[in-house]
Each structure stands twice: as structure tokens, then as C-alpha cells.
């Protein structure tokens, strides 16, 4: 699956049950007409090993426009209110930065 969208927050490290660490971040994509676009959110997990590439991804800011390729996995869970939910998660295979976050004009 391929996504082009903006980071919802800066990527964060999360420990796994096996003692490893993974990067997680959300990507927002927009579709539809400009006057009433629809936003879809995708959760992305990255298994980038420790080193410069991981540091680069961790340094990305909210709002950065990214291109992400990954394998999609459907995940079902129960939310805090006890309602069944599902989410489409991506396991990152490739990440490219297309542009920096938008800055307000001064």
C-alpha cells in the first residue's frame, strides 16, 4: 500500500513485548473536493534499526509531508468504551520526506 500524507504527530519509540523498540506514527491523507475534503488516518509501524536512519525518522515534525510504502494489516480491538473497532495499520517498508511542515505566514 502507498500513502502520501502529513504526519499527525512526530514519530515515537514504543517498546514491544519482546524487548525490542519500534517507531510508530500516524499519517493523515485527504481526498474529495477541496471545499469538503475527507481525512483518513493511518497508523504506521517501522522496524528501522538503531542508527542514523532511525534518528532521522524520529526527528520528523508533525505536518511533514511523507510518502510511505508498506504492507497493510487489519487490526481489530475494543476501545475504552467497550465498542469493537478496526484499524488499517501499515508496516513501513519505505519512507520519503516530500516537504517540511507548513509554517504560518508572518
C-alpha atoms as a PDB file:
ATOM      1  CA  UNK A   1       0.000   0.000   0.000  1.00  0.00           C
ATOM      2  CA  UNK A   2       1.210   3.515  -0.771  1.00  0.00           C
ATOM      3  CA  UNK A   3       0.298   6.678   1.161  1.00  0.00           C
ATOM      4  CA  UNK A   4       1.066  10.337   0.643  1.00  0.00           C
ATOM      5  CA  UNK A   5       0.046  12.446   3.600  1.00  0.00           C
ATOM      6  CA  UNK A   6       1.108  14.519   6.581  1.00  0.00           C
ATOM      7  CA  UNK A   7       2.381  13.286   9.926  1.00  0.00           C
ATOM      8  CA  UNK A   8      -0.233  13.736  12.653  1.00  0.00           C
ATOM      9  CA  UNK A   9       2.470  13.897  15.334  1.00  0.00           C
ATOM     10  CA  UNK A  10       6.211  13.362  15.478  1.00  0.00           C
ATOM     11  CA  UNK A  11       7.183   9.661  15.348  1.00  0.00           C
ATOM     12  CA  UNK A  12       7.709   7.987  18.744  1.00  0.00           C
ATOM     13  CA  UNK A  13       9.556   4.929  20.014  1.00  0.00           C
ATOM     14  CA  UNK A  14       7.494   2.173  21.630  1.00  0.00           C
ATOM     15  CA  UNK A  15       8.745  -0.995  23.347  1.00  0.00           C
ATOM     16  CA  UNK A  16       7.447  -4.365  22.161  1.00  0.00           C
ATOM     17  CA  UNK A  17       6.604  -7.347  24.357  1.00  0.00           C
ATOM     18  CA  UNK A  18       9.855  -8.989  23.195  1.00  0.00           C
ATOM     19  CA  UNK A  19      12.031  -6.133  24.454  1.00  0.00           C
ATOM     20  CA  UNK A  20      12.685  -4.507  21.067  1.00  0.00           C
ATOM     21  CA  UNK A  21      11.690  -0.987  20.095  1.00  0.00           C
ATOM     22  CA  UNK A  22       9.585   0.106  17.124  1.00  0.00           C
ATOM     23  CA  UNK A  23       8.783   3.509  15.673  1.00  0.00           C
ATOM     24  CA  UNK A  24       5.128   4.465  15.398  1.00  0.00           C
ATOM     25  CA  UNK A  25       3.469   7.412  13.729  1.00  0.00           C
ATOM     26  CA  UNK A  26       0.169   8.440  12.117  1.00  0.00           C
ATOM     27  CA  UNK A  27      -0.286   9.722   8.567  1.00  0.00           C
ATOM     28  CA  UNK A  28      -3.324  11.773   7.520  1.00  0.00           C
ATOM     29  CA  UNK A  29      -4.441  11.646   3.893  1.00  0.00           C
ATOM     30  CA  UNK A  30      -7.083  13.829   2.265  1.00  0.00           C
ATOM     31  CA  UNK A  31      -9.462  13.050  -0.581  1.00  0.00           C
ATOM     32  CA  UNK A  32     -12.529  14.542  -2.151  1.00  0.00           C
ATOM     33  CA  UNK A  33     -13.321  18.095  -3.275  1.00  0.00           C
ATOM     34  CA  UNK A  34     -11.251  20.987  -1.921  1.00  0.00           C
ATOM     35  CA  UNK A  35     -14.265  22.649  -0.296  1.00  0.00           C
ATOM     36  CA  UNK A  36     -15.143  19.497   1.715  1.00  0.00           C
ATOM     37  CA  UNK A  37     -12.174  17.110   1.864  1.00  0.00           C
ATOM     38  CA  UNK A  38     -12.298  13.858   3.826  1.00  0.00           C
ATOM     39  CA  UNK A  39      -9.364  12.978   6.057  1.00  0.00           C
ATOM     40  CA  UNK A  40      -8.342   9.366   6.688  1.00  0.00           C
ATOM     41  CA  UNK A  41      -5.811   8.386   9.358  1.00  0.00           C
ATOM     42  CA  UNK A  42      -3.367   5.504   9.064  1.00  0.00           C
ATOM     43  CA  UNK A  43      -1.170   4.059  11.809  1.00  0.00           C
ATOM     44  CA  UNK A  44       2.332   3.177  10.641  1.00  0.00           C
ATOM     45  CA  UNK A  45       4.883   0.972  12.391  1.00  0.00           C
ATOM     46  CA  UNK A  46       8.549   0.994  11.432  1.00  0.00           C
ATOM     47  CA  UNK A  47      11.186  -1.549  12.395  1.00  0.00           C
ATOM     48  CA  UNK A  48      14.113   0.699  11.418  1.00  0.00           C
ATOM     49  CA  UNK A  49      17.216  -0.464  13.325  1.00  0.00           C
ATOM     50  CA  UNK A  50      19.044   1.838  15.694  1.00  0.00           C
ATOM     51  CA  UNK A  51      21.257   4.304  13.835  1.00  0.00           C
ATOM     52  CA  UNK A  52      21.161   7.407  11.617  1.00  0.00           C
ATOM     53  CA  UNK A  53      18.036   6.380   9.693  1.00  0.00           C
ATOM     54  CA  UNK A  54      16.054   5.861  12.918  1.00  0.00           C
ATOM     55  CA  UNK A  55      17.320   9.194  14.273  1.00  0.00           C
ATOM     56  CA  UNK A  56      16.218  10.893  11.042  1.00  0.00           C
ATOM     57  CA  UNK A  57      12.688   9.471  11.282  1.00  0.00           C
ATOM     58  CA  UNK A  58      12.447  10.378  14.991  1.00  0.00           C
ATOM     59  CA  UNK A  59      13.391  13.963  14.099  1.00  0.00           C
ATOM     60  CA  UNK A  60      10.489  14.465  11.680  1.00  0.00           C
ATOM     61  CA  UNK A  61       7.924  17.027  12.802  1.00  0.00           C
ATOM     62  CA  UNK A  62       4.155  16.999  12.879  1.00  0.00           C
ATOM     63  CA  UNK A  63       2.856  18.177   9.496  1.00  0.00           C
ATOM     64  CA  UNK A  64       5.751  16.787   7.435  1.00  0.00           C
ATOM     65  CA  UNK A  65       4.509  15.572   4.038  1.00  0.00           C
ATOM     66  CA  UNK A  66       5.653  11.968   3.571  1.00  0.00           C
ATOM     67  CA  UNK A  67       5.461   9.150   1.021  1.00  0.00           C
ATOM     68  CA  UNK A  68       5.105   5.767   2.733  1.00  0.00           C
ATOM     69  CA  UNK A  69       5.127   2.285   1.209  1.00  0.00           C
ATOM     70  CA  UNK A  70       4.194  -0.605   3.435  1.00  0.00           C
ATOM     71  CA  UNK A  71       2.321  -3.817   3.890  1.00  0.00           C
ATOM     72  CA  UNK A  72      -1.210  -3.333   5.210  1.00  0.00           C
ATOM     73  CA  UNK A  73      -2.655  -5.251   8.144  1.00  0.00           C
ATOM     74  CA  UNK A  74      -6.210  -5.017   9.506  1.00  0.00           C
ATOM     75  CA  UNK A  75      -6.310  -4.856  13.305  1.00  0.00           C
ATOM     76  CA  UNK A  76      -9.446  -5.345  15.425  1.00  0.00           C
ATOM     77  CA  UNK A  77      -9.667  -4.111  19.012  1.00  0.00           C
ATOM     78  CA  UNK A  78     -12.092  -2.892  21.680  1.00  0.00           C
ATOM     79  CA  UNK A  79     -11.963   0.825  22.509  1.00  0.00           C
ATOM     80  CA  UNK A  80     -12.096   2.328  26.012  1.00  0.00           C
ATOM     81  CA  UNK A  81     -15.912   2.393  25.842  1.00  0.00           C
ATOM     82  CA  UNK A  82     -16.109  -1.332  25.049  1.00  0.00           C
ATOM     83  CA  UNK A  83     -17.027  -0.822  21.379  1.00  0.00           C
ATOM     84  CA  UNK A  84     -15.422  -3.054  18.739  1.00  0.00           C
ATOM     85  CA  UNK A  85     -13.193  -1.122  16.355  1.00  0.00           C
ATOM     86  CA  UNK A  86     -10.900  -1.886  13.477  1.00  0.00           C
ATOM     87  CA  UNK A  87      -7.932  -0.040  12.059  1.00  0.00           C
ATOM     88  CA  UNK A  88      -5.768  -0.430   8.983  1.00  0.00           C
ATOM     89  CA  UNK A  89      -2.129  -0.462  10.043  1.00  0.00           C
ATOM     90  CA  UNK A  90       0.893  -0.242   7.785  1.00  0.00           C
ATOM     91  CA  UNK A  91       4.296  -1.795   8.380  1.00  0.00           C
ATOM     92  CA  UNK A  92       6.691   0.651   6.746  1.00  0.00           C
ATOM     93  CA  UNK A  93       8.957  -0.647   4.005  1.00  0.00           C
ATOM     94  CA  UNK A  94       9.940   2.716   2.521  1.00  0.00           C
ATOM     95  CA  UNK A  95       9.656   6.331   3.714  1.00  0.00           C
ATOM     96  CA  UNK A  96      10.485   9.517   1.823  1.00  0.00           C
ATOM     97  CA  UNK A  97      10.060  13.089   3.007  1.00  0.00           C
ATOM     98  CA  UNK A  98       8.338  15.195   0.334  1.00  0.00           C
ATOM     99  CA  UNK A  99       8.234  18.543   2.163  1.00  0.00           C
ATOM    100  CA  UNK A 100       8.633  20.144   5.569  1.00  0.00           C
ATOM    101  CA  UNK A 101       5.647  21.119   7.710  1.00  0.00           C
ATOM    102  CA  UNK A 102       3.603  24.106   6.613  1.00  0.00           C
ATOM    103  CA  UNK A 103       4.561  27.219   8.530  1.00  0.00           C
ATOM    104  CA  UNK A 104       2.092  30.007   9.239  1.00  0.00           C
ATOM    105  CA  UNK A 105       2.777  33.174   7.279  1.00  0.00           C
ATOM    106  CA  UNK A 106       4.026  36.078   9.370  1.00  0.00           C
END
